[in-house]
Amino acid sequence: MARPLHSLFLAPLLALAAAAQENPSRNQAAPTTPPPASGAKGKGTVKAPASPKSDPRGTRKKLPSLHEPDPKTGLDPVVAAQAQIKKQMKAQTPRSKPRPPESYLDINTASREELKKLPGVTDELAGKIMAGRPYPTKSKLISGNILSMDVYAGIKDRIAAVQPGARKAP
């Protein structure tokens, strides 16, 4: 018959406990002497170790805090590191050229056929867009539950909500 799993783990601990009871002198701590009476000097007094602030020899160096300004630059090291990371991220991010305003489709004035040319916009969605006009911003297509997030993500770079009076006549 197999031994229960808990007995496999407990057996060594029980053996150690039994050995400790058989040989108590091995496990006892060294006898301690009572502390000397107050005011008594001698072998019983222990000198406290010197704290880093009261080091008489001055051998302990004070470690710089993470938030102390760097003596060379005068900047907080954490802030300086964050600024450096931000610069690196900005340099790695490709900058897209802004589209000229003529390439955007104005959702406030576009016809049904122009709206249907946008990816994901069906005849039904084009009708919903036209029914909800005028839009102060293109994001109102989402907050007004006109378009789903998927469709909006596909067309947001191609549309604009131009306000009346914003265009100047040539």
N, C-alpha and C. Protein backbone atom coordinates (compact mmCIF):
# COMPACT_ATOMS: atom_id res chain seq x y z
N MET A 1 0.83 -1.17 0.00
CA MET A 1 0.00 0.00 0.00
C MET A 1 0.88 1.24 0.00
N ALA A 2 0.48 2.23 -0.81
CA ALA A 2 1.28 3.45 -0.94
C ALA A 2 1.07 4.35 0.27
N ARG A 3 2.11 5.04 0.66
CA ARG A 3 2.02 5.96 1.79
C ARG A 3 1.33 7.24 1.34
N PRO A 4 0.54 7.83 2.18
CA PRO A 4 -0.10 9.10 1.81
C PRO A 4 0.97 10.16 1.55
N LEU A 5 0.63 11.10 0.67
CA LEU A 5 1.58 12.12 0.26
C LEU A 5 2.03 12.99 1.42
N HIS A 6 1.12 13.32 2.32
CA HIS A 6 1.51 14.20 3.43
C HIS A 6 2.51 13.51 4.36
N SER A 7 2.47 12.19 4.46
CA SER A 7 3.42 11.52 5.34
C SER A 7 4.83 11.55 4.74
N LEU A 8 4.93 11.64 3.42
CA LEU A 8 6.26 11.74 2.79
C LEU A 8 6.94 13.05 3.15
N PHE A 9 6.15 14.10 3.29
CA PHE A 9 6.74 15.40 3.61
C PHE A 9 6.92 15.59 5.11
N LEU A 10 6.03 15.03 5.88
CA LEU A 10 6.09 15.22 7.32
C LEU A 10 7.10 14.30 8.00
N ALA A 11 7.41 13.15 7.41
CA ALA A 11 8.31 12.19 8.06
C ALA A 11 9.68 12.81 8.37
N PRO A 12 10.33 13.51 7.45
CA PRO A 12 11.63 14.09 7.81
C PRO A 12 11.51 15.15 8.90
N LEU A 13 10.43 15.92 8.91
CA LEU A 13 10.27 16.94 9.95
C LEU A 13 10.04 16.30 11.32
N LEU A 14 9.27 15.24 11.34
CA LEU A 14 9.03 14.55 12.60
C LEU A 14 10.31 13.91 13.13
N ALA A 15 11.15 13.41 12.22
CA ALA A 15 12.43 12.81 12.64
C ALA A 15 13.33 13.87 13.25
N LEU A 16 13.34 15.08 12.66
CA LEU A 16 14.16 16.16 13.22
C LEU A 16 13.64 16.59 14.59
N ALA A 17 12.35 16.65 14.75
CA ALA A 17 11.77 17.04 16.03
C ALA A 17 12.09 16.00 17.10
N ALA A 18 12.03 14.73 16.74
CA ALA A 18 12.35 13.67 17.71
C ALA A 18 13.82 13.73 18.12
N ALA A 19 14.70 14.00 17.14
CA ALA A 19 16.12 14.10 17.45
C ALA A 19 16.38 15.29 18.36
N ALA A 20 15.65 16.37 18.18
CA ALA A 20 15.84 17.56 19.01
C ALA A 20 15.39 17.28 20.45
N GLN A 21 14.37 16.47 20.62
CA GLN A 21 13.91 16.16 21.97
C GLN A 21 14.88 15.23 22.67
N GLU A 22 15.52 14.35 21.92
CA GLU A 22 16.48 13.42 22.53
C GLU A 22 17.74 14.13 22.95
N ASN A 23 18.18 15.13 22.22
CA ASN A 23 19.42 15.83 22.52
C ASN A 23 19.11 17.31 22.72
N PRO A 24 18.56 17.68 23.86
CA PRO A 24 18.14 19.07 24.07
C PRO A 24 19.31 20.04 24.19
N SER A 25 20.46 19.61 24.60
CA SER A 25 21.59 20.53 24.77
C SER A 25 22.06 21.08 23.44
N ARG A 26 21.79 20.38 22.38
CA ARG A 26 22.25 20.82 21.06
C ARG A 26 21.43 22.00 20.56
N ASN A 27 20.18 22.10 20.94
CA ASN A 27 19.29 23.12 20.41
C ASN A 27 19.12 24.32 21.33
N GLN A 28 19.67 24.24 22.54
CA GLN A 28 19.48 25.35 23.46
C GLN A 28 20.43 26.47 23.12
N ALA A 29 19.93 27.68 23.31
CA ALA A 29 20.77 28.86 23.09
C ALA A 29 21.72 29.00 24.26
N ALA A 30 22.79 29.72 24.04
CA ALA A 30 23.77 29.95 25.10
C ALA A 30 23.10 30.73 26.21
N PRO A 31 23.42 30.40 27.45
CA PRO A 31 22.80 31.12 28.55
C PRO A 31 23.17 32.60 28.49
N THR A 32 22.19 33.44 28.78
CA THR A 32 22.44 34.88 28.73
C THR A 32 22.59 35.39 30.14
N THR A 33 23.40 36.40 30.26
CA THR A 33 23.58 37.02 31.57
C THR A 33 22.58 38.16 31.68
N PRO A 34 22.07 38.40 32.83
CA PRO A 34 21.14 39.50 32.98
C PRO A 34 21.85 40.82 32.73
N PRO A 35 21.14 41.80 32.24
CA PRO A 35 21.79 43.08 31.98
C PRO A 35 22.25 43.71 33.27
N PRO A 36 23.33 44.46 33.22
CA PRO A 36 23.85 45.08 34.45
C PRO A 36 22.87 46.14 34.94
N ALA A 37 23.01 46.46 36.19
CA ALA A 37 22.15 47.47 36.80
C ALA A 37 22.42 48.80 36.11
N SER A 38 21.42 49.66 36.09
CA SER A 38 21.59 50.94 35.40
C SER A 38 22.69 51.75 36.07
N GLY A 39 23.48 52.38 35.27
CA GLY A 39 24.58 53.17 35.79
C GLY A 39 25.85 52.37 35.95
N ALA A 40 25.78 51.05 35.89
CA ALA A 40 26.98 50.24 36.06
C ALA A 40 27.73 50.18 34.75
N LYS A 41 29.03 50.29 34.83
CA LYS A 41 29.87 50.21 33.64
C LYS A 41 30.72 48.97 33.75
N GLY A 42 31.08 48.45 32.61
CA GLY A 42 31.93 47.27 32.66
C GLY A 42 31.68 46.39 31.46
N LYS A 43 31.82 45.09 31.70
CA LYS A 43 31.73 44.14 30.60
C LYS A 43 30.32 44.06 30.00
N GLY A 44 29.29 44.37 30.75
CA GLY A 44 27.93 44.19 30.30
C GLY A 44 27.44 45.25 29.33
N THR A 45 28.11 46.37 29.21
CA THR A 45 27.63 47.44 28.34
C THR A 45 28.12 47.20 26.92
N VAL A 46 27.27 47.48 26.02
CA VAL A 46 27.60 47.32 24.60
C VAL A 46 27.50 48.67 23.94
N LYS A 47 28.50 49.01 23.16
CA LYS A 47 28.51 50.30 22.47
C LYS A 47 27.71 50.15 21.18
N ALA A 48 26.82 51.06 20.95
CA ALA A 48 25.99 51.02 19.74
C ALA A 48 26.86 51.33 18.53
N PRO A 49 26.60 50.67 17.41
CA PRO A 49 27.39 50.96 16.22
C PRO A 49 27.13 52.39 15.75
N ALA A 50 28.14 52.94 15.14
CA ALA A 50 28.05 54.33 14.66
C ALA A 50 27.08 54.40 13.49
N SER A 51 26.26 55.41 13.51
CA SER A 51 25.32 55.58 12.40
C SER A 51 26.07 56.26 11.25
N PRO A 52 25.55 56.15 10.03
CA PRO A 52 26.25 56.75 8.89
C PRO A 52 26.39 58.26 9.03
N LYS A 53 25.47 58.91 9.71
CA LYS A 53 25.55 60.36 9.85
C LYS A 53 26.63 60.77 10.85
N SER A 54 26.87 59.91 11.86
CA SER A 54 27.83 60.28 12.90
C SER A 54 29.14 59.51 12.76
N ASP A 55 29.53 59.21 11.53
CA ASP A 55 30.78 58.49 11.31
C ASP A 55 31.93 59.46 11.57
N PRO A 56 32.71 59.26 12.64
CA PRO A 56 33.75 60.23 13.01
C PRO A 56 34.89 60.28 11.99
N ARG A 57 35.12 59.18 11.30
CA ARG A 57 36.23 59.15 10.37
C ARG A 57 35.85 59.72 9.00
N GLY A 58 34.57 59.80 8.73
CA GLY A 58 34.12 60.33 7.44
C GLY A 58 34.39 59.38 6.29
N THR A 59 34.45 58.07 6.60
CA THR A 59 34.78 57.11 5.56
C THR A 59 33.56 56.66 4.77
N ARG A 60 32.39 56.84 5.34
CA ARG A 60 31.18 56.42 4.64
C ARG A 60 30.75 57.52 3.67
N LYS A 61 30.55 57.10 2.43
CA LYS A 61 30.12 58.06 1.43
C LYS A 61 28.60 58.11 1.39
N LYS A 62 28.09 59.28 1.21
CA LYS A 62 26.66 59.43 1.10
C LYS A 62 26.26 59.10 -0.33
N LEU A 63 25.35 58.16 -0.48
CA LEU A 63 24.89 57.79 -1.81
C LEU A 63 23.92 58.85 -2.32
N PRO A 64 24.01 59.16 -3.62
CA PRO A 64 23.10 60.18 -4.14
C PRO A 64 21.68 59.65 -4.19
N SER A 65 20.78 60.51 -3.87
CA SER A 65 19.37 60.16 -3.94
C SER A 65 18.95 60.19 -5.41
N LEU A 66 17.93 59.43 -5.73
CA LEU A 66 17.45 59.43 -7.11
C LEU A 66 16.85 60.77 -7.50
N HIS A 67 16.41 61.53 -6.53
CA HIS A 67 15.74 62.77 -6.86
C HIS A 67 16.56 64.01 -6.51
N GLU A 68 17.84 63.85 -6.24
CA GLU A 68 18.68 65.01 -6.03
C GLU A 68 19.20 65.47 -7.39
N PRO A 69 19.27 66.77 -7.62
CA PRO A 69 19.74 67.27 -8.91
C PRO A 69 21.18 66.86 -9.19
N ASP A 70 21.44 66.56 -10.43
CA ASP A 70 22.78 66.23 -10.86
C ASP A 70 23.63 67.50 -10.77
N PRO A 71 24.81 67.45 -10.12
CA PRO A 71 25.61 68.67 -9.98
C PRO A 71 26.06 69.26 -11.32
N LYS A 72 26.24 68.43 -12.32
CA LYS A 72 26.72 68.94 -13.62
C LYS A 72 25.61 69.64 -14.40
N THR A 73 24.44 69.01 -14.46
CA THR A 73 23.36 69.57 -15.27
C THR A 73 22.32 70.33 -14.45
N GLY A 74 22.23 70.03 -13.17
CA GLY A 74 21.24 70.68 -12.33
C GLY A 74 19.85 70.08 -12.48
N LEU A 75 19.74 68.97 -13.21
CA LEU A 75 18.45 68.34 -13.44
C LEU A 75 18.27 67.12 -12.55
N ASP A 76 17.03 66.83 -12.26
CA ASP A 76 16.67 65.62 -11.54
C ASP A 76 16.98 64.44 -12.47
N PRO A 77 17.73 63.43 -12.03
CA PRO A 77 18.10 62.32 -12.93
C PRO A 77 16.90 61.59 -13.51
N VAL A 78 15.83 61.47 -12.76
CA VAL A 78 14.65 60.77 -13.26
C VAL A 78 14.02 61.58 -14.40
N VAL A 79 13.90 62.87 -14.21
CA VAL A 79 13.32 63.73 -15.23
C VAL A 79 14.21 63.77 -16.47
N ALA A 80 15.54 63.81 -16.25
CA ALA A 80 16.47 63.82 -17.38
C ALA A 80 16.36 62.52 -18.18
N ALA A 81 16.22 61.39 -17.50
CA ALA A 81 16.10 60.11 -18.20
C ALA A 81 14.79 60.04 -18.96
N GLN A 82 13.71 60.55 -18.38
CA GLN A 82 12.43 60.55 -19.08
C GLN A 82 12.49 61.44 -20.33
N ALA A 83 13.15 62.59 -20.22
CA ALA A 83 13.27 63.48 -21.38
C ALA A 83 14.09 62.82 -22.48
N GLN A 84 15.14 62.11 -22.10
CA GLN A 84 15.98 61.44 -23.09
C GLN A 84 15.19 60.33 -23.80
N ILE A 85 14.40 59.58 -23.07
CA ILE A 85 13.59 58.53 -23.68
C ILE A 85 12.56 59.14 -24.62
N LYS A 86 11.98 60.26 -24.21
CA LYS A 86 10.98 60.92 -25.05
C LYS A 86 11.61 61.40 -26.36
N LYS A 87 12.83 61.92 -26.29
CA LYS A 87 13.53 62.36 -27.50
C LYS A 87 13.80 61.17 -28.43
N GLN A 88 14.23 60.05 -27.85
CA GLN A 88 14.50 58.87 -28.67
C GLN A 88 13.24 58.35 -29.32
N MET A 89 12.13 58.34 -28.59
CA MET A 89 10.86 57.88 -29.15
C MET A 89 10.40 58.80 -30.28
N LYS A 90 10.59 60.10 -30.09
CA LYS A 90 10.18 61.07 -31.10
C LYS A 90 11.01 60.91 -32.36
N ALA A 91 12.29 60.62 -32.20
CA ALA A 91 13.17 60.45 -33.35
C ALA A 91 12.83 59.17 -34.12
N GLN A 92 12.36 58.15 -33.41
CA GLN A 92 12.06 56.89 -34.07
C GLN A 92 10.68 56.87 -34.73
N THR A 93 9.79 57.76 -34.31
CA THR A 93 8.44 57.79 -34.85
C THR A 93 8.45 58.46 -36.22
N PRO A 94 8.04 57.73 -37.27
CA PRO A 94 8.02 58.37 -38.59
C PRO A 94 6.90 59.41 -38.65
N ARG A 95 7.23 60.53 -39.22
CA ARG A 95 6.25 61.60 -39.32
C ARG A 95 5.56 61.52 -40.67
N SER A 96 4.27 61.48 -40.62
CA SER A 96 3.52 61.44 -41.86
C SER A 96 3.26 62.87 -42.31
N LYS A 97 3.26 63.05 -43.59
CA LYS A 97 3.00 64.37 -44.13
C LYS A 97 1.52 64.67 -43.98
N PRO A 98 1.19 65.86 -43.52
CA PRO A 98 -0.22 66.19 -43.40
C PRO A 98 -0.86 66.30 -44.78
N ARG A 99 -2.05 65.81 -44.87
CA ARG A 99 -2.76 65.86 -46.15
C ARG A 99 -3.22 67.30 -46.41
N PRO A 100 -3.26 67.66 -47.66
CA PRO A 100 -3.83 68.97 -47.95
C PRO A 100 -5.34 68.93 -47.70
N PRO A 101 -5.94 70.05 -47.34
CA PRO A 101 -7.37 70.05 -47.01
C PRO A 101 -8.25 69.56 -48.16
N GLU A 102 -7.81 69.66 -49.38
CA GLU A 102 -8.63 69.23 -50.51
C GLU A 102 -8.79 67.71 -50.55
N SER A 103 -7.85 66.96 -49.95
CA SER A 103 -7.91 65.50 -50.03
C SER A 103 -8.87 64.89 -49.00
N TYR A 104 -9.32 65.69 -48.04
CA TYR A 104 -10.29 65.20 -47.05
C TYR A 104 -11.69 65.26 -47.62
N LEU A 105 -12.52 64.35 -47.16
CA LEU A 105 -13.92 64.37 -47.55
C LEU A 105 -14.70 65.00 -46.40
N ASP A 106 -15.40 66.08 -46.69
CA ASP A 106 -16.17 66.78 -45.67
C ASP A 106 -17.46 66.01 -45.41
N ILE A 107 -17.62 65.51 -44.19
CA ILE A 107 -18.80 64.70 -43.89
C ILE A 107 -20.06 65.56 -43.77
N ASN A 108 -19.91 66.87 -43.67
CA ASN A 108 -21.08 67.75 -43.58
C ASN A 108 -21.66 68.12 -44.95
N THR A 109 -20.87 67.95 -46.02
CA THR A 109 -21.36 68.35 -47.34
C THR A 109 -21.27 67.24 -48.39
N ALA A 110 -20.67 66.09 -48.07
CA ALA A 110 -20.45 65.04 -49.06
C ALA A 110 -21.77 64.39 -49.48
N SER A 111 -21.81 63.98 -50.73
CA SER A 111 -23.00 63.29 -51.24
C SER A 111 -22.98 61.82 -50.79
N ARG A 112 -24.10 61.14 -50.98
CA ARG A 112 -24.21 59.73 -50.62
C ARG A 112 -23.18 58.90 -51.38
N GLU A 113 -22.98 59.17 -52.66
CA GLU A 113 -22.02 58.42 -53.48
C GLU A 113 -20.59 58.65 -53.01
N GLU A 114 -20.26 59.88 -52.63
CA GLU A 114 -18.91 60.16 -52.12
C GLU A 114 -18.68 59.43 -50.81
N LEU A 115 -19.66 59.40 -49.94
CA LEU A 115 -19.52 58.70 -48.66
C LEU A 115 -19.39 57.19 -48.87
N LYS A 116 -20.11 56.65 -49.86
CA LYS A 116 -20.04 55.20 -50.10
C LYS A 116 -18.68 54.77 -50.66
N LYS A 117 -17.88 55.69 -51.18
CA LYS A 117 -16.54 55.36 -51.68
C LYS A 117 -15.56 55.11 -50.53
N LEU A 118 -15.91 55.57 -49.35
CA LEU A 118 -15.05 55.33 -48.19
C LEU A 118 -15.11 53.85 -47.79
N PRO A 119 -13.98 53.27 -47.35
CA PRO A 119 -13.99 51.84 -47.00
C PRO A 119 -14.89 51.55 -45.80
N GLY A 120 -15.76 50.56 -45.96
CA GLY A 120 -16.64 50.13 -44.88
C GLY A 120 -17.95 50.89 -44.80
N VAL A 121 -18.13 51.94 -45.60
CA VAL A 121 -19.36 52.72 -45.54
C VAL A 121 -20.34 52.17 -46.56
N THR A 122 -21.45 51.68 -46.08
CA THR A 122 -22.50 51.13 -46.94
C THR A 122 -23.52 52.22 -47.25
N ASP A 123 -24.50 51.88 -48.08
CA ASP A 123 -25.55 52.82 -48.43
C ASP A 123 -26.33 53.23 -47.18
N GLU A 124 -26.56 52.27 -46.30
CA GLU A 124 -27.28 52.55 -45.06
C GLU A 124 -26.50 53.49 -44.16
N LEU A 125 -25.17 53.24 -44.02
CA LEU A 125 -24.34 54.11 -43.18
C LEU A 125 -24.23 55.50 -43.77
N ALA A 126 -24.14 55.60 -45.08
CA ALA A 126 -24.08 56.91 -45.73
C ALA A 126 -25.35 57.69 -45.43
N GLY A 127 -26.51 57.01 -45.44
CA GLY A 127 -27.77 57.66 -45.10
C GLY A 127 -27.80 58.13 -43.66
N LYS A 128 -27.24 57.32 -42.73
CA LYS A 128 -27.18 57.72 -41.32
C LYS A 128 -26.29 58.94 -41.14
N ILE A 129 -25.15 58.97 -41.86
CA ILE A 129 -24.23 60.10 -41.77
C ILE A 129 -24.94 61.36 -42.25
N MET A 130 -25.64 61.27 -43.36
CA MET A 130 -26.31 62.43 -43.92
C MET A 130 -27.46 62.90 -43.01
N ALA A 131 -28.12 61.98 -42.34
CA ALA A 131 -29.24 62.33 -41.47
C ALA A 131 -28.78 63.05 -40.20
N GLY A 132 -27.58 62.79 -39.75
CA GLY A 132 -27.09 63.38 -38.51
C GLY A 132 -26.37 64.70 -38.67
N ARG A 133 -26.36 65.27 -39.85
CA ARG A 133 -25.64 66.53 -40.09
C ARG A 133 -26.29 67.69 -39.38
N PRO A 134 -25.56 68.72 -39.06
CA PRO A 134 -24.12 68.94 -39.19
C PRO A 134 -23.37 68.37 -37.99
N TYR A 135 -22.13 67.96 -38.24
CA TYR A 135 -21.25 67.41 -37.21
C TYR A 135 -20.22 68.46 -36.83
N PRO A 136 -20.08 68.78 -35.54
CA PRO A 136 -19.04 69.74 -35.14
C PRO A 136 -17.63 69.15 -35.28
N THR A 137 -17.50 67.86 -35.04
CA THR A 137 -16.22 67.16 -35.21
C THR A 137 -16.50 65.80 -35.82
N LYS A 138 -15.48 65.21 -36.41
CA LYS A 138 -15.67 63.89 -37.01
C LYS A 138 -15.86 62.81 -35.96
N SER A 139 -15.38 63.05 -34.73
CA SER A 139 -15.54 62.04 -33.67
C SER A 139 -17.00 61.89 -33.24
N LYS A 140 -17.85 62.83 -33.62
CA LYS A 140 -19.28 62.72 -33.30
C LYS A 140 -19.91 61.53 -34.03
N LEU A 141 -19.26 61.03 -35.07
CA LEU A 141 -19.76 59.82 -35.74
C LEU A 141 -19.73 58.63 -34.79
N ILE A 142 -18.78 58.64 -33.86
CA ILE A 142 -18.68 57.56 -32.87
C ILE A 142 -19.60 57.84 -31.69
N SER A 143 -19.51 59.03 -31.13
CA SER A 143 -20.30 59.33 -29.93
C SER A 143 -21.79 59.37 -30.23
N GLY A 144 -22.17 59.63 -31.48
CA GLY A 144 -23.57 59.61 -31.86
C GLY A 144 -24.05 58.25 -32.32
N ASN A 145 -23.20 57.24 -32.21
CA ASN A 145 -23.51 55.86 -32.60
C ASN A 145 -23.91 55.76 -34.07
N ILE A 146 -23.26 56.54 -34.91
CA ILE A 146 -23.50 56.47 -36.35
C ILE A 146 -22.64 55.37 -36.96
N LEU A 147 -21.34 55.34 -36.60
CA LEU A 147 -20.41 54.35 -37.12
C LEU A 147 -19.84 53.50 -36.00
N SER A 148 -19.41 52.30 -36.34
CA SER A 148 -18.71 51.45 -35.38
C SER A 148 -17.25 51.91 -35.31
N MET A 149 -16.56 51.47 -34.29
CA MET A 149 -15.14 51.84 -34.13
C MET A 149 -14.31 51.31 -35.30
N ASP A 150 -14.63 50.12 -35.79
CA ASP A 150 -13.86 49.54 -36.88
C ASP A 150 -13.97 50.37 -38.15
N VAL A 151 -15.18 50.76 -38.49
CA VAL A 151 -15.39 51.56 -39.70
C VAL A 151 -14.74 52.93 -39.53
N TYR A 152 -14.94 53.54 -38.36
CA TYR A 152 -14.37 54.86 -38.10
C TYR A 152 -12.84 54.82 -38.18
N ALA A 153 -12.22 53.77 -37.64
CA ALA A 153 -10.76 53.66 -37.68
C ALA A 153 -10.26 53.60 -39.12
N GLY A 154 -11.05 53.01 -40.00
CA GLY A 154 -10.63 52.89 -41.40
C GLY A 154 -10.79 54.18 -42.19
N ILE A 155 -11.66 55.09 -41.75
CA ILE A 155 -11.90 56.30 -42.56
C ILE A 155 -11.49 57.60 -41.87
N LYS A 156 -11.08 57.55 -40.61
CA LYS A 156 -10.83 58.79 -39.86
C LYS A 156 -9.73 59.65 -40.47
N ASP A 157 -8.79 59.04 -41.19
CA ASP A 157 -7.72 59.82 -41.82
C ASP A 157 -8.15 60.39 -43.16
N ARG A 158 -9.34 60.08 -43.61
CA ARG A 158 -9.81 60.54 -44.92
C ARG A 158 -10.97 61.52 -44.83
N ILE A 159 -11.47 61.75 -43.63
CA ILE A 159 -12.64 62.61 -43.49
C ILE A 159 -12.33 63.82 -42.63
N ALA A 160 -13.20 64.82 -42.73
CA ALA A 160 -13.11 66.01 -41.89
C ALA A 160 -14.52 66.54 -41.71
N ALA A 161 -14.72 67.28 -40.63
CA ALA A 161 -16.01 67.93 -40.38
C ALA A 161 -15.77 69.42 -40.48
N VAL A 162 -15.88 69.95 -41.69
CA VAL A 162 -15.64 71.37 -41.92
C VAL A 162 -16.89 72.14 -41.55
N GLN A 163 -16.69 73.19 -40.78
CA GLN A 163 -17.81 74.00 -40.32
C GLN A 163 -18.15 75.07 -41.34
N PRO A 164 -19.43 75.40 -41.45
CA PRO A 164 -19.82 76.45 -42.39
C PRO A 164 -19.12 77.77 -42.02
N GLY A 165 -18.61 78.43 -43.02
CA GLY A 165 -17.89 79.68 -42.79
C GLY A 165 -16.41 79.47 -42.59
N ALA A 166 -15.96 78.21 -42.44
CA ALA A 166 -14.54 77.95 -42.24
C ALA A 166 -13.79 78.06 -43.57
N ARG A 167 -14.46 77.75 -44.66
CA ARG A 167 -13.82 77.87 -45.98
C ARG A 167 -14.00 79.29 -46.48
N LYS A 168 -12.95 79.78 -47.05
CA LYS A 168 -13.04 81.10 -47.64
C LYS A 168 -13.20 80.95 -49.14
N ALA A 169 -14.09 81.71 -49.66
CA ALA A 169 -14.32 81.64 -51.11
C ALA A 169 -13.14 82.21 -51.85
N PRO A 170 -12.75 81.64 -53.01
CA PRO A 170 -11.58 82.15 -53.73
C PRO A 170 -11.85 83.48 -54.38
